[in-house]
Amino acid sequence: FWRYSFHLFSYQTWILRALMANEFENRVFTCEAGDNRTCSCMYPSILLPQCLIDGNAVLSHYGSEQSAVSYNILILLAIIPTYRLLAWIILKAKNRSNL
């Protein structure tokens, strides 16, 4: 319950999505050839016969294929003032209860 209900309110979620989109989106990586000259790629990709990994396939594997960096940064910029406002409200409520 806790993991999924508060997952979208965590700034770390959006930082990780932005980082992954920045690193893997529209890039191609090489796989290492094994002992018998077959490719051993970590992620399934359409480029597997060429011994390559599509970066978008990596994003798809982790479930963040539709994640643009600017969108994630925008969400982060919305979360920060929201957290500050909630903290201010809680502090004001505690201050009034102490009086």
PDB file of N, CA and C in Angstrom:
ATOM      1  N   PHE A   1       0.820  -1.205   0.000  1.00  0.00           N
ATOM      2  CA  PHE A   1       0.000   0.000   0.000  1.00  0.00           C
ATOM      3  C   PHE A   1       0.857   1.260   0.000  1.00  0.00           C
ATOM      4  N   TRP A   2       1.816   1.336   0.928  1.00  0.00           N
ATOM      5  CA  TRP A   2       2.613   2.559   1.063  1.00  0.00           C
ATOM      6  C   TRP A   2       3.496   2.795  -0.149  1.00  0.00           C
ATOM      7  N   ARG A   3       4.028   1.729  -0.700  1.00  0.00           N
ATOM      8  CA  ARG A   3       4.951   1.889  -1.823  1.00  0.00           C
ATOM      9  C   ARG A   3       4.253   2.502  -3.032  1.00  0.00           C
ATOM     10  N   TYR A   4       3.069   2.051  -3.336  1.00  0.00           N
ATOM     11  CA  TYR A   4       2.401   2.516  -4.543  1.00  0.00           C
ATOM     12  C   TYR A   4       1.584   3.783  -4.333  1.00  0.00           C
ATOM     13  N   SER A   5       1.074   3.989  -3.133  1.00  0.00           N
ATOM     14  CA  SER A   5       0.246   5.176  -2.929  1.00  0.00           C
ATOM     15  C   SER A   5       1.075   6.449  -2.855  1.00  0.00           C
ATOM     16  N   PHE A   6       2.275   6.381  -2.313  1.00  0.00           N
ATOM     17  CA  PHE A   6       3.112   7.576  -2.189  1.00  0.00           C
ATOM     18  C   PHE A   6       4.255   7.611  -3.200  1.00  0.00           C
ATOM     19  N   HIS A   7       4.278   6.655  -4.083  1.00  0.00           N
ATOM     20  CA  HIS A   7       5.352   6.570  -5.076  1.00  0.00           C
ATOM     21  C   HIS A   7       5.399   7.805  -5.979  1.00  0.00           C
ATOM     22  N   LEU A   8       4.255   8.297  -6.395  1.00  0.00           N
ATOM     23  CA  LEU A   8       4.220   9.441  -7.306  1.00  0.00           C
ATOM     24  C   LEU A   8       4.491  10.763  -6.603  1.00  0.00           C
ATOM     25  N   PHE A   9       4.435  10.784  -5.276  1.00  0.00           N
ATOM     26  CA  PHE A   9       4.722  12.005  -4.526  1.00  0.00           C
ATOM     27  C   PHE A   9       6.188  12.103  -4.120  1.00  0.00           C
ATOM     28  N   SER A  10       6.967  11.093  -4.432  1.00  0.00           N
ATOM     29  CA  SER A  10       8.378  11.078  -4.075  1.00  0.00           C
ATOM     30  C   SER A  10       9.193  11.788  -5.156  1.00  0.00           C
ATOM     31  N   TYR A  11      10.006  12.744  -4.742  1.00  0.00           N
ATOM     32  CA  TYR A  11      10.833  13.455  -5.721  1.00  0.00           C
ATOM     33  C   TYR A  11      11.874  12.535  -6.327  1.00  0.00           C
ATOM     34  N   GLN A  12      12.277  11.490  -5.600  1.00  0.00           N
ATOM     35  CA  GLN A  12      13.286  10.566  -6.116  1.00  0.00           C
ATOM     36  C   GLN A  12      12.774   9.791  -7.330  1.00  0.00           C
ATOM     37  N   THR A  13      11.488   9.528  -7.372  1.00  0.00           N
ATOM     38  CA  THR A  13      10.894   8.857  -8.532  1.00  0.00           C
ATOM     39  C   THR A  13      11.103   9.683  -9.788  1.00  0.00           C
ATOM     40  N   TRP A  14      10.818  10.965  -9.698  1.00  0.00           N
ATOM     41  CA  TRP A  14      10.890  11.836 -10.874  1.00  0.00           C
ATOM     42  C   TRP A  14      12.334  12.144 -11.246  1.00  0.00           C
ATOM     43  N   ILE A  15      13.225  12.203 -10.260  1.00  0.00           N
ATOM     44  CA  ILE A  15      14.644  12.395 -10.564  1.00  0.00           C
ATOM     45  C   ILE A  15      15.177  11.190 -11.325  1.00  0.00           C
ATOM     46  N   LEU A  16      14.831   9.988 -10.858  1.00  0.00           N
ATOM     47  CA  LEU A  16      15.302   8.777 -11.523  1.00  0.00           C
ATOM     48  C   LEU A  16      14.749   8.672 -12.943  1.00  0.00           C
ATOM     49  N   ARG A  17      13.481   9.007 -13.127  1.00  0.00           N
ATOM     50  CA  ARG A  17      12.901   8.968 -14.476  1.00  0.00           C
ATOM     51  C   ARG A  17      13.581   9.967 -15.410  1.00  0.00           C
ATOM     52  N   ALA A  18      13.861  11.159 -14.912  1.00  0.00           N
ATOM     53  CA  ALA A  18      14.544  12.161 -15.740  1.00  0.00           C
ATOM     54  C   ALA A  18      15.954  11.702 -16.079  1.00  0.00           C
ATOM     55  N   LEU A  19      16.640  11.127 -15.106  1.00  0.00           N
ATOM     56  CA  LEU A  19      17.996  10.641 -15.331  1.00  0.00           C
ATOM     57  C   LEU A  19      18.010   9.517 -16.363  1.00  0.00           C
ATOM     58  N   MET A  20      17.087   8.576 -16.232  1.00  0.00           N
ATOM     59  CA  MET A  20      17.040   7.461 -17.182  1.00  0.00           C
ATOM     60  C   MET A  20      16.685   7.934 -18.585  1.00  0.00           C
ATOM     61  N   ALA A  21      15.740   8.859 -18.695  1.00  0.00           N
ATOM     62  CA  ALA A  21      15.385   9.382 -20.019  1.00  0.00           C
ATOM     63  C   ALA A  21      16.570  10.108 -20.639  1.00  0.00           C
ATOM     64  N   ASN A  22      17.298  10.836 -19.828  1.00  0.00           N
ATOM     65  CA  ASN A  22      18.459  11.570 -20.324  1.00  0.00           C
ATOM     66  C   ASN A  22      19.564  10.625 -20.793  1.00  0.00           C
ATOM     67  N   GLU A  23      19.747   9.524 -20.094  1.00  0.00           N
ATOM     68  CA  GLU A  23      20.840   8.611 -20.412  1.00  0.00           C
ATOM     69  C   GLU A  23      20.520   7.631 -21.542  1.00  0.00           C
ATOM     70  N   PHE A  24      19.272   7.158 -21.628  1.00  0.00           N
ATOM     71  CA  PHE A  24      18.965   6.059 -22.534  1.00  0.00           C
ATOM     72  C   PHE A  24      18.132   6.430 -23.756  1.00  0.00           C
ATOM     73  N   GLU A  25      17.403   7.525 -23.716  1.00  0.00           N
ATOM     74  CA  GLU A  25      16.484   7.850 -24.802  1.00  0.00           C
ATOM     75  C   GLU A  25      17.235   8.105 -26.110  1.00  0.00           C
ATOM     76  N   ASN A  26      16.810   7.417 -27.172  1.00  0.00           N
ATOM     77  CA  ASN A  26      17.349   7.569 -28.532  1.00  0.00           C
ATOM     78  C   ASN A  26      18.851   7.312 -28.617  1.00  0.00           C
ATOM     79  N   ARG A  27      19.335   6.371 -27.840  1.00  0.00           N
ATOM     80  CA  ARG A  27      20.746   5.978 -27.912  1.00  0.00           C
ATOM     81  C   ARG A  27      20.847   4.491 -28.214  1.00  0.00           C
ATOM     82  N   VAL A  28      21.994   4.099 -28.717  1.00  0.00           N
ATOM     83  CA  VAL A  28      22.250   2.699 -29.039  1.00  0.00           C
ATOM     84  C   VAL A  28      23.540   2.287 -28.342  1.00  0.00           C
ATOM     85  N   PHE A  29      23.508   1.107 -27.693  1.00  0.00           N
ATOM     86  CA  PHE A  29      24.654   0.594 -26.956  1.00  0.00           C
ATOM     87  C   PHE A  29      25.062  -0.753 -27.533  1.00  0.00           C
ATOM     88  N   THR A  30      26.322  -1.087 -27.402  1.00  0.00           N
ATOM     89  CA  THR A  30      26.811  -2.366 -27.913  1.00  0.00           C
ATOM     90  C   THR A  30      26.750  -3.430 -26.823  1.00  0.00           C
ATOM     91  N   CYS A  31      26.547  -4.666 -27.268  1.00  0.00           N
ATOM     92  CA  CYS A  31      26.576  -5.822 -26.367  1.00  0.00           C
ATOM     93  C   CYS A  31      27.929  -6.502 -26.508  1.00  0.00           C
ATOM     94  N   GLU A  32      28.276  -7.272 -25.510  1.00  0.00           N
ATOM     95  CA  GLU A  32      29.520  -8.032 -25.600  1.00  0.00           C
ATOM     96  C   GLU A  32      29.233  -9.389 -26.217  1.00  0.00           C
ATOM     97  N   ALA A  33      30.121  -9.813 -27.077  1.00  0.00           N
ATOM     98  CA  ALA A  33      29.982 -11.131 -27.689  1.00  0.00           C
ATOM     99  C   ALA A  33      30.507 -12.177 -26.715  1.00  0.00           C
ATOM    100  N   GLY A  34      29.800 -13.303 -26.658  1.00  0.00           N
ATOM    101  CA  GLY A  34      30.201 -14.378 -25.762  1.00  0.00           C
ATOM    102  C   GLY A  34      31.328 -15.206 -26.349  1.00  0.00           C
ATOM    103  N   ASP A  35      31.589 -16.355 -25.715  1.00  0.00           N
ATOM    104  CA  ASP A  35      32.673 -17.236 -26.155  1.00  0.00           C
ATOM    105  C   ASP A  35      32.422 -17.822 -27.540  1.00  0.00           C
ATOM    106  N   ASN A  36      31.185 -18.142 -27.847  1.00  0.00           N
ATOM    107  CA  ASN A  36      30.878 -18.739 -29.147  1.00  0.00           C
ATOM    108  C   ASN A  36      30.354 -17.705 -30.141  1.00  0.00           C
ATOM    109  N   ARG A  37      30.782 -16.468 -29.977  1.00  0.00           N
ATOM    110  CA  ARG A  37      30.470 -15.349 -30.868  1.00  0.00           C
ATOM    111  C   ARG A  37      28.969 -15.035 -30.954  1.00  0.00           C
ATOM    112  N   THR A  38      28.247 -15.308 -29.903  1.00  0.00           N
ATOM    113  CA  THR A  38      26.845 -14.911 -29.837  1.00  0.00           C
ATOM    114  C   THR A  38      26.730 -13.722 -28.899  1.00  0.00           C
ATOM    115  N   CYS A  39      25.793 -12.880 -29.176  1.00  0.00           N
ATOM    116  CA  CYS A  39      25.609 -11.681 -28.353  1.00  0.00           C
ATOM    117  C   CYS A  39      24.910 -12.040 -27.052  1.00  0.00           C
ATOM    118  N   SER A  40      25.377 -11.461 -25.986  1.00  0.00           N
ATOM    119  CA  SER A  40      24.724 -11.665 -24.688  1.00  0.00           C
ATOM    120  C   SER A  40      24.305 -10.297 -24.159  1.00  0.00           C
ATOM    121  N   CYS A  41      23.149  -9.837 -24.616  1.00  0.00           N
ATOM    122  CA  CYS A  41      22.634  -8.530 -24.205  1.00  0.00           C
ATOM    123  C   CYS A  41      21.756  -8.686 -22.973  1.00  0.00           C
ATOM    124  N   MET A  42      21.808  -7.705 -22.101  1.00  0.00           N
ATOM    125  CA  MET A  42      21.016  -7.756 -20.867  1.00  0.00           C
ATOM    126  C   MET A  42      19.538  -7.514 -21.116  1.00  0.00           C
ATOM    127  N   TYR A  43      19.207  -6.714 -22.124  1.00  0.00           N
ATOM    128  CA  TYR A  43      17.824  -6.325 -22.370  1.00  0.00           C
ATOM    129  C   TYR A  43      17.416  -6.758 -23.768  1.00  0.00           C
ATOM    130  N   PRO A  44      16.202  -7.284 -23.915  1.00  0.00           N
ATOM    131  CA  PRO A  44      15.744  -7.646 -25.260  1.00  0.00           C
ATOM    132  C   PRO A  44      15.543  -6.393 -26.107  1.00  0.00           C
ATOM    133  N   SER A  45      16.027  -6.465 -27.331  1.00  0.00           N
ATOM    134  CA  SER A  45      15.953  -5.304 -28.209  1.00  0.00           C
ATOM    135  C   SER A  45      15.757  -5.761 -29.640  1.00  0.00           C
ATOM    136  N   ILE A  46      15.201  -4.882 -30.441  1.00  0.00           N
ATOM    137  CA  ILE A  46      15.008  -5.181 -31.858  1.00  0.00           C
ATOM    138  C   ILE A  46      16.356  -5.232 -32.589  1.00  0.00           C
ATOM    139  N   LEU A  47      17.372  -4.648 -31.999  1.00  0.00           N
ATOM    140  CA  LEU A  47      18.702  -4.605 -32.605  1.00  0.00           C
ATOM    141  C   LEU A  47      19.597  -5.759 -32.152  1.00  0.00           C
ATOM    142  N   LEU A  48      19.036  -6.771 -31.502  1.00  0.00           N
ATOM    143  CA  LEU A  48      19.818  -7.885 -30.976  1.00  0.00           C
ATOM    144  C   LEU A  48      20.632  -8.622 -32.045  1.00  0.00           C
ATOM    145  N   PRO A  49      20.106  -8.864 -33.259  1.00  0.00           N
ATOM    146  CA  PRO A  49      20.928  -9.536 -34.276  1.00  0.00           C
ATOM    147  C   PRO A  49      22.195  -8.756 -34.647  1.00  0.00           C
ATOM    148  N   GLN A  50      22.210  -7.460 -34.430  1.00  0.00           N
ATOM    149  CA  GLN A  50      23.390  -6.646 -34.730  1.00  0.00           C
ATOM    150  C   GLN A  50      24.280  -6.481 -33.502  1.00  0.00           C
ATOM    151  N   CYS A  51      23.953  -7.181 -32.434  1.00  0.00           N
ATOM    152  CA  CYS A  51      24.693  -7.120 -31.170  1.00  0.00           C
ATOM    153  C   CYS A  51      24.634  -5.713 -30.565  1.00  0.00           C
ATOM    154  N   LEU A  52      23.455  -5.101 -30.649  1.00  0.00           N
ATOM    155  CA  LEU A  52      23.238  -3.755 -30.120  1.00  0.00           C
ATOM    156  C   LEU A  52      22.001  -3.737 -29.222  1.00  0.00           C
ATOM    157  N   ILE A  53      21.963  -2.779 -28.316  1.00  0.00           N
ATOM    158  CA  ILE A  53      20.789  -2.556 -27.464  1.00  0.00           C
ATOM    159  C   ILE A  53      20.253  -1.170 -27.763  1.00  0.00           C
ATOM    160  N   ASP A  54      18.966  -1.093 -28.030  1.00  0.00           N
ATOM    161  CA  ASP A  54      18.308   0.198 -28.213  1.00  0.00           C
ATOM    162  C   ASP A  54      18.028   0.788 -26.834  1.00  0.00           C
ATOM    163  N   GLY A  55      18.408   2.035 -26.625  1.00  0.00           N
ATOM    164  CA  GLY A  55      18.184   2.691 -25.339  1.00  0.00           C
ATOM    165  C   GLY A  55      16.716   2.797 -24.987  1.00  0.00           C
ATOM    166  N   ASN A  56      15.865   2.951 -25.993  1.00  0.00           N
ATOM    167  CA  ASN A  56      14.423   3.001 -25.740  1.00  0.00           C
ATOM    168  C   ASN A  56      13.902   1.656 -25.233  1.00  0.00           C
ATOM    169  N   ALA A  57      14.554   0.553 -25.620  1.00  0.00           N
ATOM    170  CA  ALA A  57      14.171  -0.765 -25.105  1.00  0.00           C
ATOM    171  C   ALA A  57      14.512  -0.879 -23.622  1.00  0.00           C
ATOM    172  N   VAL A  58      15.599  -0.257 -23.206  1.00  0.00           N
ATOM    173  CA  VAL A  58      15.959  -0.246 -21.783  1.00  0.00           C
ATOM    174  C   VAL A  58      14.906   0.530 -21.001  1.00  0.00           C
ATOM    175  N   LEU A  59      14.502   1.682 -21.523  1.00  0.00           N
ATOM    176  CA  LEU A  59      13.455   2.467 -20.863  1.00  0.00           C
ATOM    177  C   LEU A  59      12.146   1.687 -20.808  1.00  0.00           C
ATOM    178  N   SER A  60      11.825   0.980 -21.872  1.00  0.00           N
ATOM    179  CA  SER A  60      10.607   0.180 -21.905  1.00  0.00           C
ATOM    180  C   SER A  60      10.677  -0.953 -20.882  1.00  0.00           C
ATOM    181  N   HIS A  61      11.852  -1.534 -20.721  1.00  0.00           N
ATOM    182  CA  HIS A  61      12.037  -2.610 -19.746  1.00  0.00           C
ATOM    183  C   HIS A  61      11.742  -2.129 -18.329  1.00  0.00           C
ATOM    184  N   TYR A  62      12.117  -0.902 -18.020  1.00  0.00           N
ATOM    185  CA  TYR A  62      11.882  -0.344 -16.688  1.00  0.00           C
ATOM    186  C   TYR A  62      10.558   0.413 -16.579  1.00  0.00           C
ATOM    187  N   GLY A  63       9.782   0.459 -17.639  1.00  0.00           N
ATOM    188  CA  GLY A  63       8.454   1.052 -17.585  1.00  0.00           C
ATOM    189  C   GLY A  63       8.424   2.561 -17.642  1.00  0.00           C
ATOM    190  N   SER A  64       9.438   3.191 -18.191  1.00  0.00           N
ATOM    191  CA  SER A  64       9.427   4.657 -18.288  1.00  0.00           C
ATOM    192  C   SER A  64       9.695   5.114 -19.716  1.00  0.00           C
ATOM    193  N   GLU A  65       9.082   4.432 -20.679  1.00  0.00           N
ATOM    194  CA  GLU A  65       9.332   4.766 -22.084  1.00  0.00           C
ATOM    195  C   GLU A  65       8.701   6.075 -22.515  1.00  0.00           C
ATOM    196  N   GLN A  66       7.660   6.533 -21.844  1.00  0.00           N
ATOM    197  CA  GLN A  66       6.995   7.783 -22.222  1.00  0.00           C
ATOM    198  C   GLN A  66       7.423   8.934 -21.319  1.00  0.00           C
ATOM    199  N   SER A  67       8.638   8.921 -20.879  1.00  0.00           N
ATOM    200  CA  SER A  67       9.086   9.867 -19.870  1.00  0.00           C
ATOM    201  C   SER A  67      10.050  10.883 -20.472  1.00  0.00           C
ATOM    202  N   ALA A  68       9.594  12.106 -20.666  1.00  0.00           N
ATOM    203  CA  ALA A  68      10.454  13.167 -21.181  1.00  0.00           C
ATOM    204  C   ALA A  68      11.141  13.869 -20.010  1.00  0.00           C
ATOM    205  N   VAL A  69      12.356  14.305 -20.230  1.00  0.00           N
ATOM    206  CA  VAL A  69      13.128  14.960 -19.169  1.00  0.00           C
ATOM    207  C   VAL A  69      12.427  16.225 -18.703  1.00  0.00           C
ATOM    208  N   SER A  70      11.931  17.023 -19.632  1.00  0.00           N
ATOM    209  CA  SER A  70      11.289  18.288 -19.253  1.00  0.00           C
ATOM    210  C   SER A  70      10.021  18.051 -18.430  1.00  0.00           C
ATOM    211  N   TYR A  71       9.272  17.003 -18.742  1.00  0.00           N
ATOM    212  CA  TYR A  71       8.071  16.672 -17.968  1.00  0.00           C
ATOM    213  C   TYR A  71       8.441  16.306 -16.527  1.00  0.00           C
ATOM    214  N   ASN A  72       9.494  15.504 -16.377  1.00  0.00           N
ATOM    215  CA  ASN A  72       9.924  15.099 -15.037  1.00  0.00           C
ATOM    216  C   ASN A  72      10.434  16.284 -14.227  1.00  0.00           C
ATOM    217  N   ILE A  73      11.147  17.181 -14.857  1.00  0.00           N
ATOM    218  CA  ILE A  73      11.635  18.377 -14.162  1.00  0.00           C
ATOM    219  C   ILE A  73      10.460  19.260 -13.759  1.00  0.00           C
ATOM    220  N   LEU A  74       9.456  19.359 -14.617  1.00  0.00           N
ATOM    221  CA  LEU A  74       8.263  20.145 -14.292  1.00  0.00           C
ATOM    222  C   LEU A  74       7.545  19.571 -13.068  1.00  0.00           C
ATOM    223  N   ILE A  75       7.424  18.264 -12.998  1.00  0.00           N
ATOM    224  CA  ILE A  75       6.812  17.624 -11.831  1.00  0.00           C
ATOM    225  C   ILE A  75       7.637  17.915 -10.581  1.00  0.00           C
ATOM    226  N   LEU A  76       8.957  17.845 -10.695  1.00  0.00           N
ATOM    227  CA  LEU A  76       9.825  18.164  -9.549  1.00  0.00           C
ATOM    228  C   LEU A  76       9.634  19.598  -9.086  1.00  0.00           C
ATOM    229  N   LEU A  77       9.520  20.514 -10.028  1.00  0.00           N
ATOM    230  CA  LEU A  77       9.321  21.916  -9.667  1.00  0.00           C
ATOM    231  C   LEU A  77       7.960  22.147  -9.024  1.00  0.00           C
ATOM    232  N   ALA A  78       7.016  21.264  -9.258  1.00  0.00           N
ATOM    233  CA  ALA A  78       5.717  21.366  -8.586  1.00  0.00           C
ATOM    234  C   ALA A  78       5.750  20.714  -7.205  1.00  0.00           C
ATOM    235  N   ILE A  79       6.527  19.650  -7.051  1.00  0.00           N
ATOM    236  CA  ILE A  79       6.594  18.945  -5.771  1.00  0.00           C
ATOM    237  C   ILE A  79       7.289  19.782  -4.704  1.00  0.00           C
ATOM    238  N   ILE A  80       8.351  20.475  -5.054  1.00  0.00           N
ATOM    239  CA  ILE A  80       9.139  21.217  -4.062  1.00  0.00           C
ATOM    240  C   ILE A  80       8.304  22.279  -3.347  1.00  0.00           C
ATOM    241  N   PRO A  81       7.605  23.193  -4.045  1.00  0.00           N
ATOM    242  CA  PRO A  81       6.800  24.167  -3.295  1.00  0.00           C
ATOM    243  C   PRO A  81       5.621  23.526  -2.557  1.00  0.00           C
ATOM    244  N   THR A  82       5.109  22.422  -3.086  1.00  0.00           N
ATOM    245  CA  THR A  82       4.025  21.728  -2.392  1.00  0.00           C
ATOM    246  C   THR A  82       4.504  21.187  -1.052  1.00  0.00           C
ATOM    247  N   TYR A  83       5.678  20.565  -1.031  1.00  0.00           N
ATOM    248  CA  TYR A  83       6.250  20.082   0.233  1.00  0.00           C
ATOM    249  C   TYR A  83       6.501  21.234   1.197  1.00  0.00           C
ATOM    250  N   ARG A  84       7.011  22.328   0.696  1.00  0.00           N
ATOM    251  CA  ARG A  84       7.281  23.486   1.565  1.00  0.00           C
ATOM    252  C   ARG A  84       5.987  24.049   2.146  1.00  0.00           C
ATOM    253  N   LEU A  85       4.953  24.129   1.325  1.00  0.00           N
ATOM    254  CA  LEU A  85       3.660  24.624   1.800  1.00  0.00           C
ATOM    255  C   LEU A  85       3.072  23.695   2.864  1.00  0.00           C
ATOM    256  N   LEU A  86       3.149  22.390   2.638  1.00  0.00           N
ATOM    257  CA  LEU A  86       2.657  21.440   3.632  1.00  0.00           C
ATOM    258  C   LEU A  86       3.435  21.543   4.940  1.00  0.00           C
ATOM    259  N   ALA A  87       4.743  21.698   4.856  1.00  0.00           N
ATOM    260  CA  ALA A  87       5.552  21.854   6.068  1.00  0.00           C
ATOM    261  C   ALA A  87       5.177  23.130   6.805  1.00  0.00           C
ATOM    262  N   TRP A  88       4.946  24.211   6.086  1.00  0.00           N
ATOM    263  CA  TRP A  88       4.558  25.478   6.714  1.00  0.00           C
ATOM    264  C   TRP A  88       3.207  25.344   7.413  1.00  0.00           C
ATOM    265  N   ILE A  89       2.258  24.672   6.765  1.00  0.00           N
ATOM    266  CA  ILE A  89       0.934  24.467   7.367  1.00  0.00           C
ATOM    267  C   ILE A  89       1.046  23.632   8.643  1.00  0.00           C
ATOM    268  N   ILE A  90       1.845  22.590   8.607  1.00  0.00           N
ATOM    269  CA  ILE A  90       2.026  21.746   9.794  1.00  0.00           C
ATOM    270  C   ILE A  90       2.681  22.525  10.921  1.00  0.00           C
ATOM    271  N   LEU A  91       3.698  23.324  10.602  1.00  0.00           N
ATOM    272  CA  LEU A  91       4.357  24.126  11.639  1.00  0.00           C
ATOM    273  C   LEU A  91       3.409  25.157  12.232  1.00  0.00           C
ATOM    274  N   LYS A  92       2.597  25.788  11.417  1.00  0.00           N
ATOM    275  CA  LYS A  92       1.614  26.756  11.928  1.00  0.00           C
ATOM    276  C   LYS A  92       0.596  26.065  12.829  1.00  0.00           C
ATOM    277  N   ALA A  93       0.145  24.896  12.438  1.00  0.00           N
ATOM    278  CA  ALA A  93      -0.823  24.156  13.251  1.00  0.00           C
ATOM    279  C   ALA A  93      -0.214  23.741  14.588  1.00  0.00           C
ATOM    280  N   LYS A  94       1.045  23.321  14.574  1.00  0.00           N
ATOM    281  CA  LYS A  94       1.715  22.947  15.825  1.00  0.00           C
ATOM    282  C   LYS A  94       1.930  24.161  16.710  1.00  0.00           C
ATOM    283  N   ASN A  95       2.241  25.290  16.106  1.00  0.00           N
ATOM    284  CA  ASN A  95       2.470  26.512  16.866  1.00  0.00           C
ATOM    285  C   ASN A  95       1.183  26.965  17.546  1.00  0.00           C
ATOM    286  N   ARG A  96       0.070  26.854  16.868  1.00  0.00           N
ATOM    287  CA  ARG A  96      -1.223  27.245  17.455  1.00  0.00           C
ATOM    288  C   ARG A  96      -1.638  26.296  18.571  1.00  0.00           C
ATOM    289  N   SER A  97      -1.293  25.028  18.438  1.00  0.00           N
ATOM    290  CA  SER A  97      -1.675  24.077  19.483  1.00  0.00           C
ATOM    291  C   SER A  97      -0.832  24.260  20.745  1.00  0.00           C
ATOM    292  N   ASN A  98       0.364  24.829  20.619  1.00  0.00           N
ATOM    293  CA  ASN A  98       1.226  25.079  21.778  1.00  0.00           C
ATOM    294  C   ASN A  98       0.820  26.327  22.540  1.00  0.00           C
ATOM    295  N   LEU A  99       0.073  27.228  21.930  1.00  0.00           N
ATOM    296  CA  LEU A  99      -0.324  28.470  22.601  1.00  0.00           C
ATOM    297  C   LEU A  99      -1.392  28.276  23.605  1.00  0.00           C
TER     298      LEU A  99
END
